[in-house]
Amino acid sequence: MWPPWSRRSWRWDDARGGLGCGALVGQILVSAVPDRRARLGGARWRPAFAFSYAEFRVMARFGSQVLGVEFVAMFRAWAEAAIISTVLGMAALGYLNIAQRLVQIVQDLTGAALVPVSTVAFAKIRAPPSAAQRLPQSAPG
C-alpha cells in the first residue's frame, strides 16, 4: 500500500524492492570512475605511494603540538567544571554554562559582522593607489 504512512509502517524492503538504492549506488560509482581517470590523466603531479619518514616526523611534530594545546584546553574546562560544581554546586555550573554560551554567541555575531567588512578594508589598503590619489593635493600657483 502506498504512501508509506498508510496502514502499515514503511520498511527498508519497500525501497530495495525496485532496486532504487542499487541504481543510486551504481550511478555514483559509474560517474566517479571516469571522473577520477580524467583528473589523474590531466594532472601534472600524482601522489607517490611511498612512505616518507621525514615527512611523517614533520607532520607528527606539528600534530602533537596541536593535540597538546587541545588537551590542555580540555583539561582546563574539566577542572573548571569540577571546581565550580564542587564549591558552588550544580546550579552555579549551569549558570556558568549559560553565561559562557551567551558570550560565545555575542563573539560569533560580532565576528560574522566584522569579517566581510574587514576583508574589503584590507583589500583596499593593499590595492595600489589610483591615478587620482597619486596627483598632488594642491595645485601650483
Protein backbone atom coordinates (compact mmCIF):
# COMPACT_ATOMS: atom_id res chain seq x y z
CA MET A 1 0.00 0.00 0.00
CA TRP A 2 1.27 3.44 -0.80
CA PRO A 3 2.00 6.03 0.73
CA PRO A 4 4.32 4.65 3.42
CA TRP A 5 2.48 6.35 6.29
CA SER A 6 -0.72 4.50 5.46
CA ARG A 7 -1.91 1.46 7.42
CA ARG A 8 1.40 -0.38 7.71
CA SER A 9 4.78 1.07 8.56
CA TRP A 10 7.33 1.74 5.86
CA ARG A 11 10.13 -0.83 5.61
CA TRP A 12 13.57 -0.80 4.02
CA ASP A 13 12.46 -3.68 1.81
CA ASP A 14 9.99 -1.35 0.12
CA ALA A 15 12.84 0.90 -1.02
CA ARG A 16 15.03 -2.01 -2.12
CA GLY A 17 12.24 -3.83 -3.90
CA GLY A 18 12.64 -1.98 -7.19
CA LEU A 19 16.44 -1.73 -6.90
CA GLY A 20 16.15 2.02 -6.38
CA CYS A 21 19.04 2.09 -3.92
CA GLY A 22 21.16 -0.13 -6.14
CA ALA A 23 20.54 2.19 -9.05
CA LEU A 24 21.65 5.20 -6.99
CA VAL A 25 24.82 3.47 -5.78
CA GLY A 26 25.57 2.30 -9.32
CA GLN A 27 25.08 5.81 -10.65
CA ILE A 28 27.56 7.20 -8.13
CA LEU A 29 30.15 4.52 -8.90
CA VAL A 30 29.79 4.82 -12.66
CA SER A 31 30.15 8.60 -12.57
CA ALA A 32 33.10 8.52 -10.16
CA VAL A 33 35.37 6.22 -12.18
CA PRO A 34 35.63 8.36 -15.36
CA ASP A 35 35.88 11.48 -13.25
CA ARG A 36 38.88 10.09 -11.35
CA ARG A 37 40.56 8.91 -14.55
CA ALA A 38 40.11 12.31 -16.18
CA ARG A 39 41.54 14.12 -13.17
CA LEU A 40 44.53 11.82 -12.86
CA GLY A 41 45.16 11.94 -16.62
CA GLY A 42 45.17 15.73 -16.71
CA ALA A 43 47.22 16.24 -13.56
CA ARG A 44 50.92 17.00 -13.79
CA TRP A 45 51.56 15.70 -10.30
CA ARG A 46 50.45 12.37 -8.93
CA PRO A 47 50.81 11.20 -5.35
CA ALA A 48 53.60 8.74 -4.70
CA PHE A 49 52.77 5.52 -2.94
CA ALA A 50 55.94 5.63 -0.84
CA PHE A 51 56.15 6.32 2.86
CA SER A 52 58.45 9.18 3.87
CA TYR A 53 59.75 9.06 7.43
CA ALA A 54 60.99 12.66 7.17
CA GLU A 55 57.52 13.94 6.23
CA PHE A 56 55.96 11.75 8.90
CA ARG A 57 58.22 13.29 11.55
CA VAL A 58 57.31 16.82 10.44
CA MET A 59 53.59 16.04 10.46
CA ALA A 60 53.78 14.17 13.78
CA ARG A 61 55.62 17.06 15.41
CA PHE A 62 53.00 19.55 14.23
CA GLY A 63 50.11 17.24 15.11
CA SER A 64 51.43 16.59 18.61
CA GLN A 65 51.66 20.34 19.25
CA VAL A 66 48.08 20.87 18.08
CA LEU A 67 46.81 17.93 20.15
CA GLY A 68 48.77 19.15 23.17
CA VAL A 69 47.06 22.52 23.04
CA GLU A 70 43.66 20.88 22.65
CA PHE A 71 44.30 18.52 25.59
CA VAL A 72 45.33 21.43 27.82
CA ALA A 73 42.14 23.30 26.89
CA MET A 74 40.02 20.20 27.54
CA PHE A 75 41.60 19.52 30.93
CA ARG A 76 41.21 23.20 31.87
CA ALA A 77 37.49 23.07 31.08
CA TRP A 78 37.08 19.82 33.05
CA ALA A 79 38.95 21.23 36.05
CA GLU A 80 36.92 24.44 35.91
CA ALA A 81 33.65 22.47 35.85
CA ALA A 82 34.80 20.19 38.67
CA ILE A 83 35.84 23.08 40.91
CA ILE A 84 32.69 25.12 40.31
CA SER A 85 30.35 22.17 40.75
CA THR A 86 32.13 21.10 43.94
CA VAL A 87 32.43 24.51 45.54
CA LEU A 88 29.30 26.29 44.32
CA GLY A 89 27.03 23.43 43.26
CA MET A 90 25.40 22.22 40.08
CA ALA A 91 23.09 25.24 39.74
CA ALA A 92 26.10 27.57 39.59
CA LEU A 93 27.69 25.34 36.96
CA GLY A 94 24.51 25.61 34.91
CA TYR A 95 24.52 29.40 35.22
CA LEU A 96 28.19 29.45 34.17
CA ASN A 97 27.44 27.34 31.09
CA ILE A 98 24.57 29.64 30.11
CA ALA A 99 26.74 32.74 30.58
CA GLN A 100 29.59 31.23 28.56
CA ARG A 101 27.20 30.33 25.77
CA LEU A 102 25.79 33.87 25.69
CA VAL A 103 29.30 35.32 25.47
CA GLN A 104 30.14 32.87 22.69
CA ILE A 105 27.02 33.90 20.73
CA VAL A 106 27.98 37.59 21.03
CA GLN A 107 31.53 36.81 19.87
CA ASP A 108 30.25 34.78 16.90
CA LEU A 109 27.81 37.51 15.87
CA THR A 110 30.46 40.20 16.17
CA GLY A 111 32.92 38.16 14.15
CA ALA A 112 30.31 37.39 11.50
CA ALA A 113 29.63 41.12 11.13
CA LEU A 114 33.29 42.19 11.05
CA VAL A 115 34.76 39.58 8.70
CA PRO A 116 33.14 40.85 5.45
CA VAL A 117 33.91 44.48 6.31
CA SER A 118 37.49 43.80 7.32
CA THR A 119 38.13 41.73 4.20
CA VAL A 120 37.10 44.62 1.96
CA ALA A 121 39.02 47.15 4.08
CA PHE A 122 42.25 45.15 3.99
CA ALA A 123 41.86 44.58 0.24
CA LYS A 124 41.56 48.34 -0.29
CA ILE A 125 44.58 49.00 1.89
CA ARG A 126 46.70 46.59 -0.13
CA ALA A 127 45.47 47.86 -3.51
CA PRO A 128 47.76 50.26 -5.36
CA PRO A 129 46.61 53.88 -5.28
CA SER A 130 44.53 55.07 -8.19
CA ALA A 131 45.68 57.79 -10.59
CA ALA A 132 43.54 60.42 -8.85
CA GLN A 133 45.12 59.63 -5.49
CA ARG A 134 48.64 59.95 -6.94
CA LEU A 135 48.05 63.54 -8.10
CA PRO A 136 49.33 66.30 -5.85
CA GLN A 137 46.70 67.60 -3.44
CA SER A 138 47.35 71.28 -4.08
CA ALA A 139 47.70 72.98 -7.44
CA PRO A 140 50.83 75.06 -8.01
CA GLY A 141 50.34 78.75 -8.02
